[in-house]
Amino acid sequence: MIEALQYQQACAEAESRGESRGRQDRLRADVAEVLTVRFGPLPAPLRAQLRQVGSLGMLAALHRRAVVVEGLALFAHELALAQLGQPQ
């Protein structure tokens, strides 16, 4: 009985992690899409920087910023500064 409950809990935790990872991937794709529509293809280093962002809150903020930022270089600069302040 206890083993079954532990198994169910482990499955629920794994599912939750998977859902969180899916939301992260979707937000990253959304940020990249907004920037691509506005400024053209993204440089590989910027794509790599986006892949390093793991916080859903930070990804959501980056998405909002991508909608209004004045240029791709400024976005990349702000992303680098934000990552300096985030624990990895």
Protein backbone atom coordinates (compact mmCIF):
# COMPACT_ATOMS: atom_id res chain seq x y z
CA MET A 1 0.00 0.00 0.00
CA ILE A 2 2.73 2.49 0.98
CA GLU A 3 4.74 1.55 -2.12
CA ALA A 4 1.72 2.24 -4.33
CA LEU A 5 1.25 5.67 -2.74
CA GLN A 6 4.94 6.47 -3.16
CA TYR A 7 4.74 5.40 -6.79
CA GLN A 8 1.69 7.60 -7.39
CA GLN A 9 3.42 10.55 -5.72
CA ALA A 10 6.55 10.02 -7.82
CA CYS A 11 4.44 9.89 -10.99
CA ALA A 12 2.60 13.08 -10.05
CA GLU A 13 5.88 14.88 -9.36
CA ALA A 14 7.36 13.72 -12.68
CA GLU A 15 4.22 14.86 -14.51
CA SER A 16 4.41 18.26 -12.81
CA ARG A 17 8.06 18.66 -13.84
CA GLY A 18 7.13 17.70 -17.39
CA GLU A 19 4.34 20.26 -17.49
CA SER A 20 6.65 22.96 -16.16
CA ARG A 21 9.26 22.06 -18.76
CA GLY A 22 6.60 22.25 -21.45
CA ARG A 23 5.55 25.73 -20.31
CA GLN A 24 9.20 26.83 -20.32
CA ASP A 25 9.69 25.50 -23.84
CA ARG A 26 6.48 27.21 -25.03
CA LEU A 27 7.45 30.56 -23.50
CA ARG A 28 10.95 30.33 -25.03
CA ALA A 29 9.40 29.64 -28.42
CA ASP A 30 7.00 32.55 -27.97
CA VAL A 31 9.84 34.95 -27.13
CA ALA A 32 11.83 33.76 -30.14
CA GLU A 33 8.80 34.09 -32.41
CA VAL A 34 8.02 37.66 -31.34
CA LEU A 35 11.65 38.70 -31.80
CA THR A 36 11.88 36.95 -35.18
CA VAL A 37 8.70 38.60 -36.46
CA ARG A 38 9.90 42.00 -35.33
CA PHE A 39 13.62 41.83 -36.15
CA GLY A 40 14.29 38.85 -38.42
CA PRO A 41 16.19 35.65 -37.72
CA LEU A 42 17.77 35.41 -34.27
CA PRO A 43 21.51 35.00 -33.93
CA ALA A 44 22.57 31.61 -32.54
CA PRO A 45 24.13 33.14 -29.40
CA LEU A 46 20.83 34.80 -28.50
CA ARG A 47 18.97 31.52 -29.00
CA ALA A 48 21.51 29.85 -26.72
CA GLN A 49 20.98 32.55 -24.07
CA LEU A 50 17.22 31.99 -24.19
CA ARG A 51 17.69 28.23 -23.72
CA GLN A 52 19.54 28.94 -20.47
CA VAL A 53 16.58 30.75 -18.91
CA GLY A 54 14.75 28.34 -16.60
CA SER A 55 12.45 30.62 -14.63
CA LEU A 56 8.87 30.81 -15.85
CA GLY A 57 8.58 34.29 -14.38
CA MET A 58 11.67 35.50 -16.20
CA LEU A 59 10.50 33.94 -19.47
CA ALA A 60 7.13 35.66 -19.12
CA ALA A 61 8.87 38.99 -18.47
CA LEU A 62 11.13 38.43 -21.49
CA HIS A 63 8.07 37.75 -23.63
CA ARG A 64 6.47 41.03 -22.57
CA ARG A 65 9.76 42.84 -23.19
CA ALA A 66 10.16 41.25 -26.64
CA VAL A 67 6.87 42.85 -27.68
CA VAL A 68 8.03 46.41 -26.97
CA VAL A 69 11.85 46.47 -27.01
CA GLU A 70 13.37 48.94 -29.46
CA GLY A 71 15.87 46.53 -31.01
CA LEU A 72 17.38 43.08 -30.91
CA ALA A 73 20.72 44.30 -29.58
CA LEU A 74 19.00 46.01 -26.66
CA PHE A 75 16.99 42.85 -25.91
CA ALA A 76 20.17 40.74 -25.93
CA HIS A 77 21.88 43.23 -23.62
CA GLU A 78 18.96 43.27 -21.18
CA LEU A 79 18.78 39.47 -21.23
CA ALA A 80 22.48 39.23 -20.38
CA LEU A 81 22.05 41.68 -17.50
CA ALA A 82 19.01 39.78 -16.21
CA GLN A 83 20.91 36.50 -16.30
CA LEU A 84 23.69 37.98 -14.21
CA GLY A 85 21.18 38.49 -11.42
CA GLN A 86 19.59 35.02 -11.68
CA PRO A 87 20.93 31.96 -9.88
CA GLN A 88 21.76 29.18 -12.36
